[in-house]
């Protein structure tokens, strides 16, 4: 029995090592290719050891001044734009979704259910369906080639709104009544009670986005 377990353990480790190799080897090849010139990469057989042109290649990619097809697309600039848009979209999406879910759960207004289902239905529309209308709206607003054009259309999120709404529905009514008795208004209840309770959902959404 002990020998069988040892054999199974050894086999499991062999499979895991093989899986790591299968995943890591293409990444290693990409790194090796980034340290060689284009002429060296296309030669057969392809080199399997890092070359001496890595620093020059990375600086050319980051600055866009190395010549070649990518000279007009500096990676450094693209990474900065991606970072800014990702942070703005994430924080904006969380803020808008929190307030939207708060209004849908704790405020009574006409057609509240219709508003929620109108938001929910957008989950059924894939990005491919929305991309052209979104581009048209951004173009008509004069927001092309700007951070606003990249971020504003993506801040509204039906997924995040639905996530926070479902969480707010689990908050006991007694907590709402206790806050009302203590004189807490809607926004104080939101900031002092709901927001601290929502940290787990906020963290999960931040990671997903």
Protein backbone atom coordinates (compact mmCIF):
# COMPACT_ATOMS: atom_id res chain seq x y z
CA UNK A 1 0.00 0.00 0.00
CA UNK A 2 2.85 2.35 0.91
CA UNK A 3 4.71 1.50 -2.30
CA UNK A 4 1.57 2.18 -4.34
CA UNK A 5 1.15 5.60 -2.73
CA UNK A 6 4.80 6.38 -3.36
CA UNK A 7 4.42 5.40 -7.02
CA UNK A 8 1.30 7.52 -7.41
CA UNK A 9 3.04 10.45 -5.72
CA UNK A 10 6.02 10.13 -8.04
CA UNK A 11 3.74 9.91 -11.08
CA UNK A 12 1.82 13.00 -9.94
CA UNK A 13 5.06 14.96 -9.58
CA UNK A 14 6.24 13.86 -13.01
CA UNK A 15 2.95 15.00 -14.56
CA UNK A 16 3.15 18.36 -12.77
CA UNK A 17 6.75 18.93 -13.86
CA UNK A 18 5.80 18.04 -17.44
CA UNK A 19 2.83 20.44 -17.30
CA UNK A 20 5.05 23.25 -16.00
CA UNK A 21 7.53 22.60 -18.79
CA UNK A 22 4.80 22.68 -21.45
CA UNK A 23 3.53 26.01 -20.13
CA UNK A 24 6.93 27.59 -19.44
CA UNK A 25 8.81 26.56 -22.59
CA UNK A 26 6.89 28.85 -24.99
CA UNK A 27 7.45 31.73 -22.56
CA UNK A 28 11.15 30.93 -22.48
CA UNK A 29 11.26 30.86 -26.28
CA UNK A 30 9.58 34.27 -26.39
CA UNK A 31 12.19 35.64 -23.99
CA UNK A 32 15.04 34.14 -26.02
CA UNK A 33 13.59 35.56 -29.23
CA UNK A 34 13.44 39.01 -27.64
CA UNK A 35 17.21 38.94 -27.09
CA UNK A 36 18.10 38.23 -30.73
CA UNK A 37 17.85 40.19 -33.94
CA UNK A 38 15.16 39.40 -36.50
CA UNK A 39 17.74 37.83 -38.80
CA UNK A 40 18.93 35.46 -36.07
CA UNK A 41 15.39 34.39 -35.14
CA UNK A 42 14.42 33.31 -38.67
CA UNK A 43 17.55 31.22 -39.11
CA UNK A 44 17.16 27.48 -38.68
CA UNK A 45 17.53 26.12 -36.11
CA UNK A 46 16.21 28.88 -33.87
CA UNK A 47 18.64 29.70 -31.03
CA UNK A 48 17.65 28.31 -27.65
CA UNK A 49 19.99 30.46 -25.55
CA UNK A 50 19.61 34.20 -24.86
CA UNK A 51 21.46 36.54 -27.20
CA UNK A 52 23.31 39.82 -26.68
CA UNK A 53 20.73 42.17 -28.21
CA UNK A 54 18.19 42.04 -25.39
CA UNK A 55 18.88 45.50 -23.96
CA UNK A 56 18.78 47.19 -27.36
CA UNK A 57 15.58 45.37 -28.31
CA UNK A 58 13.79 46.27 -25.08
CA UNK A 59 14.84 49.93 -25.26
CA UNK A 60 13.71 50.09 -28.89
CA UNK A 61 10.35 48.60 -27.96
CA UNK A 62 9.85 50.92 -24.98
CA UNK A 63 10.86 54.12 -26.75
CA UNK A 64 9.83 53.33 -30.33
CA UNK A 65 13.13 54.66 -31.70
CA UNK A 66 14.73 51.42 -32.73
CA UNK A 67 13.55 51.38 -36.34
CA UNK A 68 11.51 48.64 -37.94
CA UNK A 69 7.78 48.06 -38.09
CA UNK A 70 7.16 48.94 -34.44
CA UNK A 71 9.09 52.20 -34.40
CA UNK A 72 5.91 54.30 -34.27
CA UNK A 73 4.31 52.31 -31.44
CA UNK A 74 6.40 52.67 -28.27
CA UNK A 75 5.47 50.00 -25.74
CA UNK A 76 6.20 52.34 -22.83
CA UNK A 77 3.51 54.76 -23.98
CA UNK A 78 1.03 51.94 -24.58
CA UNK A 79 1.68 50.51 -21.11
CA UNK A 80 1.10 53.93 -19.54
CA UNK A 81 -2.19 54.39 -21.42
CA UNK A 82 -3.28 50.88 -20.40
CA UNK A 83 -2.45 51.57 -16.74
CA UNK A 84 -4.31 54.88 -16.64
CA UNK A 85 -7.40 53.55 -18.41
CA UNK A 86 -7.48 50.39 -16.30
CA UNK A 87 -7.33 52.34 -13.03
CA UNK A 88 -9.89 54.94 -14.12
CA UNK A 89 -12.29 52.29 -15.44
CA UNK A 90 -11.93 50.11 -12.34
CA UNK A 91 -12.43 52.87 -9.76
CA UNK A 92 -15.15 54.53 -11.82
CA UNK A 93 -16.97 51.26 -12.38
CA UNK A 94 -16.92 50.40 -8.68
CA UNK A 95 -18.16 53.87 -7.67
CA UNK A 96 -20.97 53.99 -10.22
CA UNK A 97 -22.05 50.40 -9.58
CA UNK A 98 -22.12 50.86 -5.80
CA UNK A 99 -24.33 53.93 -6.05
CA UNK A 100 -26.56 52.35 -8.69
CA UNK A 101 -27.10 49.21 -6.63
CA UNK A 102 -27.70 51.31 -3.52
CA UNK A 103 -30.41 53.29 -5.29
CA UNK A 104 -32.06 50.16 -6.72
CA UNK A 105 -32.23 48.41 -3.35
CA UNK A 106 -32.94 51.15 -0.82
CA UNK A 107 -34.92 53.77 -2.73
CA UNK A 108 -38.52 53.46 -3.86
CA UNK A 109 -39.20 55.17 -7.18
CA UNK A 110 -41.49 54.51 -10.16
CA UNK A 111 -40.44 51.78 -12.59
CA UNK A 112 -37.62 50.64 -10.31
CA UNK A 113 -37.98 47.06 -11.50
CA UNK A 114 -37.95 48.14 -15.13
CA UNK A 115 -34.77 50.11 -14.56
CA UNK A 116 -33.09 47.08 -13.01
CA UNK A 117 -34.13 44.74 -15.80
CA UNK A 118 -33.03 47.29 -18.40
CA UNK A 119 -29.59 47.20 -16.82
CA UNK A 120 -29.64 43.42 -16.49
CA UNK A 121 -30.59 42.84 -20.14
CA UNK A 122 -27.35 44.47 -21.27
CA UNK A 123 -25.53 41.43 -19.87
CA UNK A 124 -26.94 39.46 -22.79
CA UNK A 125 -25.35 41.78 -25.36
CA UNK A 126 -21.81 40.72 -26.30
CA UNK A 127 -19.08 43.27 -26.85
CA UNK A 128 -19.19 42.66 -30.60
CA UNK A 129 -22.77 43.95 -30.69
CA UNK A 130 -22.01 47.08 -28.66
CA UNK A 131 -18.66 48.13 -30.07
CA UNK A 132 -19.87 49.96 -33.20
CA UNK A 133 -22.70 51.89 -31.46
CA UNK A 134 -20.28 52.79 -28.66
CA UNK A 135 -17.73 54.05 -31.16
CA UNK A 136 -20.42 56.11 -32.91
CA UNK A 137 -21.48 57.74 -29.64
CA UNK A 138 -17.88 58.47 -28.65
CA UNK A 139 -17.22 59.93 -32.10
CA UNK A 140 -20.33 62.13 -32.00
CA UNK A 141 -19.28 63.46 -28.59
CA UNK A 142 -15.83 64.35 -29.92
CA UNK A 143 -14.04 62.04 -27.51
CA UNK A 144 -11.95 60.06 -29.98
CA UNK A 145 -8.23 59.74 -29.20
CA UNK A 146 -8.75 60.76 -25.58
CA UNK A 147 -8.72 59.11 -22.17
CA UNK A 148 -12.37 60.06 -21.73
CA UNK A 149 -13.32 58.19 -24.89
CA UNK A 150 -11.52 55.09 -23.64
CA UNK A 151 -12.88 55.12 -20.11
CA UNK A 152 -16.36 56.67 -19.94
CA UNK A 153 -18.17 54.01 -22.08
CA UNK A 154 -16.71 51.23 -19.92
CA UNK A 155 -17.44 52.71 -16.51
CA UNK A 156 -21.09 51.63 -16.55
CA UNK A 157 -21.20 47.92 -15.70
CA UNK A 158 -24.31 45.77 -15.44
CA UNK A 159 -22.25 42.94 -13.96
CA UNK A 160 -20.90 45.05 -11.12
CA UNK A 161 -24.30 46.63 -10.46
CA UNK A 162 -25.93 43.20 -10.29
CA UNK A 163 -23.16 41.91 -7.98
CA UNK A 164 -23.55 44.77 -5.49
CA UNK A 165 -27.36 44.67 -5.70
CA UNK A 166 -27.42 41.00 -4.76
CA UNK A 167 -25.09 41.67 -1.85
CA UNK A 168 -27.13 44.63 -0.58
CA UNK A 169 -30.24 42.44 -0.61
CA UNK A 170 -28.56 40.18 1.98
CA UNK A 171 -28.09 43.03 4.47
CA UNK A 172 -30.66 42.53 7.27
CA UNK A 173 -33.53 44.99 7.44
CA UNK A 174 -32.85 45.34 11.17
CA UNK A 175 -29.55 47.01 10.35
CA UNK A 176 -31.33 49.53 8.16
CA UNK A 177 -33.88 50.25 10.88
CA UNK A 178 -31.17 50.60 13.53
CA UNK A 179 -29.32 53.12 11.37
CA UNK A 180 -32.54 55.06 10.80
CA UNK A 181 -33.29 55.14 14.54
CA UNK A 182 -29.77 56.45 15.20
CA UNK A 183 -30.48 59.32 12.84
CA UNK A 184 -28.32 58.14 9.96
CA UNK A 185 -29.40 59.47 6.59
CA UNK A 186 -29.16 57.48 3.35
CA UNK A 187 -25.61 58.55 2.49
CA UNK A 188 -24.33 58.10 6.03
CA UNK A 189 -25.82 54.60 6.06
CA UNK A 190 -24.07 53.99 2.73
CA UNK A 191 -20.66 55.29 3.83
CA UNK A 192 -20.57 54.02 7.40
CA UNK A 193 -22.33 50.67 7.08
CA UNK A 194 -22.78 49.41 3.53
CA UNK A 195 -19.37 50.41 2.20
CA UNK A 196 -17.35 48.66 4.96
CA UNK A 197 -19.52 45.57 4.53
CA UNK A 198 -18.87 45.58 0.78
CA UNK A 199 -15.06 45.44 0.95
CA UNK A 200 -14.95 41.78 -0.07
CA UNK A 201 -17.15 42.38 -3.12
CA UNK A 202 -15.17 45.50 -4.01
CA UNK A 203 -11.89 43.59 -3.80
CA UNK A 204 -13.26 40.76 -5.94
CA UNK A 205 -14.52 43.19 -8.57
CA UNK A 206 -11.20 45.07 -8.53
CA UNK A 207 -9.32 41.84 -9.25
CA UNK A 208 -11.76 40.82 -12.00
CA UNK A 209 -11.51 44.17 -13.73
